[in-house]
Amino acid sequence: MSADTPRNVATPAILRLAKGGRDVPTKIQRWGNSQGIRVSKSVLADARLQVGDVVDVRAVDGTLVVTRARSRRGRASLEDLVAALPEAGPHGETDWGRPEGDEV
């Protein structure tokens, strides 16, 4: 913040996890074919997030907004999802021919 910038004017942010709090400089880095941002443990704690939480990320007026993802339709168990599948699958069985290797 320069000496000419009033203290009550918000400076633009690339990433703001929560209103208020602290701004921690970080860099967008390439991770494989994606890009990522490392977030410090203290910033995650301030945002009440932790490693493994699912978040939604959206851009609003040039700012990335990160929020805890809400459950869209409730959580279904694997057993419930499998029970909803048709018995033979949508197209029945597929003949892949005779075994060629160590298939069982």
Protein backbone atom coordinates (compact mmCIF):
# COMPACT_ATOMS: atom_id res chain seq x y z
CA MET A 1 0.00 0.00 0.00
CA SER A 2 1.49 3.36 -0.98
CA ALA A 3 1.51 6.43 1.22
CA ASP A 4 -1.11 8.00 -1.08
CA THR A 5 -3.59 5.13 -0.61
CA PRO A 6 -6.13 5.76 2.17
CA ARG A 7 -6.24 2.94 4.74
CA ASN A 8 -10.00 2.41 4.34
CA VAL A 9 -9.72 1.62 0.59
CA ALA A 10 -9.43 -2.09 -0.16
CA THR A 11 -6.51 -3.10 -2.33
CA PRO A 12 -7.32 -5.51 -5.17
CA ALA A 13 -6.67 -9.14 -4.38
CA ILE A 14 -6.07 -12.13 -6.59
CA LEU A 15 -7.30 -14.52 -3.92
CA ARG A 16 -9.35 -13.63 -0.87
CA LEU A 17 -10.46 -16.55 1.29
CA ALA A 18 -12.42 -14.50 3.80
CA LYS A 19 -13.42 -10.90 4.38
CA GLY A 20 -10.90 -9.15 6.53
CA GLY A 21 -8.08 -11.30 7.79
CA ARG A 22 -4.63 -11.02 6.31
CA ASP A 23 -3.32 -10.92 2.77
CA VAL A 24 -0.52 -13.44 2.26
CA PRO A 25 1.50 -13.12 -0.95
CA THR A 26 1.57 -16.29 -3.02
CA LYS A 27 2.28 -17.22 -6.63
CA ILE A 28 0.26 -19.18 -9.16
CA GLN A 29 2.41 -22.14 -10.19
CA ARG A 30 2.18 -24.86 -12.80
CA TRP A 31 1.43 -28.34 -11.41
CA GLY A 32 1.50 -30.80 -14.31
CA ASN A 33 -1.08 -29.58 -16.84
CA SER A 34 -2.86 -27.44 -14.22
CA GLN A 35 -2.13 -24.34 -12.21
CA GLY A 36 -2.31 -24.11 -8.44
CA ILE A 37 -2.01 -21.78 -5.50
CA ARG A 38 -0.46 -22.84 -2.19
CA VAL A 39 -2.37 -21.60 0.83
CA SER A 40 -0.71 -21.36 4.24
CA LYS A 41 -2.08 -23.27 7.21
CA SER A 42 -2.82 -20.02 9.06
CA VAL A 43 -4.89 -18.62 6.16
CA LEU A 44 -6.85 -21.88 5.92
CA ALA A 45 -7.49 -21.73 9.67
CA ASP A 46 -8.69 -18.11 9.38
CA ALA A 47 -11.08 -19.21 6.59
CA ARG A 48 -12.19 -22.22 8.67
CA LEU A 49 -11.03 -24.61 5.93
CA GLN A 50 -8.70 -27.59 6.14
CA VAL A 51 -6.81 -29.93 3.84
CA GLY A 52 -9.28 -32.21 2.06
CA ASP A 53 -12.25 -29.80 2.16
CA VAL A 54 -14.07 -29.42 -1.14
CA VAL A 55 -14.31 -25.79 -2.25
CA ASP A 56 -15.97 -23.84 -5.04
CA VAL A 57 -13.79 -21.32 -6.89
CA ARG A 58 -15.28 -18.58 -9.01
CA ALA A 59 -14.08 -15.29 -10.48
CA VAL A 60 -15.96 -12.14 -9.49
CA ASP A 61 -14.81 -8.78 -10.83
CA GLY A 62 -11.22 -9.96 -11.29
CA THR A 63 -11.04 -11.64 -7.88
CA LEU A 64 -10.97 -15.38 -7.14
CA VAL A 65 -13.57 -16.24 -4.53
CA VAL A 66 -13.05 -19.52 -2.68
CA THR A 67 -15.95 -20.87 -0.61
CA ARG A 68 -16.69 -24.18 1.06
CA ALA A 69 -18.66 -26.32 -1.39
CA ARG A 70 -22.18 -27.05 -0.32
CA SER A 71 -23.69 -30.47 -0.81
CA ARG A 72 -25.71 -30.20 -4.01
CA ARG A 73 -28.18 -33.06 -3.40
CA GLY A 74 -27.15 -34.64 -0.16
CA ARG A 75 -24.69 -37.44 0.18
CA ALA A 76 -25.62 -40.81 -1.27
CA SER A 77 -23.78 -43.88 -0.08
CA LEU A 78 -22.03 -46.15 -2.57
CA GLU A 79 -24.50 -48.90 -1.65
CA ASP A 80 -27.46 -46.64 -2.57
CA LEU A 81 -25.88 -45.70 -5.90
CA VAL A 82 -25.09 -49.32 -6.81
CA ALA A 83 -28.60 -50.43 -5.79
CA ALA A 84 -30.05 -47.91 -8.27
CA LEU A 85 -28.15 -49.47 -11.22
CA PRO A 86 -30.04 -51.81 -13.56
CA GLU A 87 -29.22 -55.47 -12.88
CA ALA A 88 -27.60 -56.24 -16.25
CA GLY A 89 -26.40 -52.72 -16.97
CA PRO A 90 -27.92 -50.52 -19.64
CA HIS A 91 -26.87 -52.76 -22.55
CA GLY A 92 -26.56 -56.21 -21.05
CA GLU A 93 -23.34 -58.19 -21.10
CA THR A 94 -20.64 -57.65 -23.70
CA ASP A 95 -18.72 -60.59 -25.17
CA TRP A 96 -15.05 -59.63 -25.23
CA GLY A 97 -13.98 -62.96 -26.74
CA ARG A 98 -11.78 -65.67 -25.29
CA PRO A 99 -9.24 -64.83 -22.56
CA GLU A 100 -5.86 -63.93 -24.07
CA GLY A 101 -3.64 -63.64 -21.00
CA ASP A 102 -3.98 -64.05 -17.27
CA GLU A 103 -7.56 -62.77 -17.05
CA VAL A 104 -9.83 -64.52 -14.60
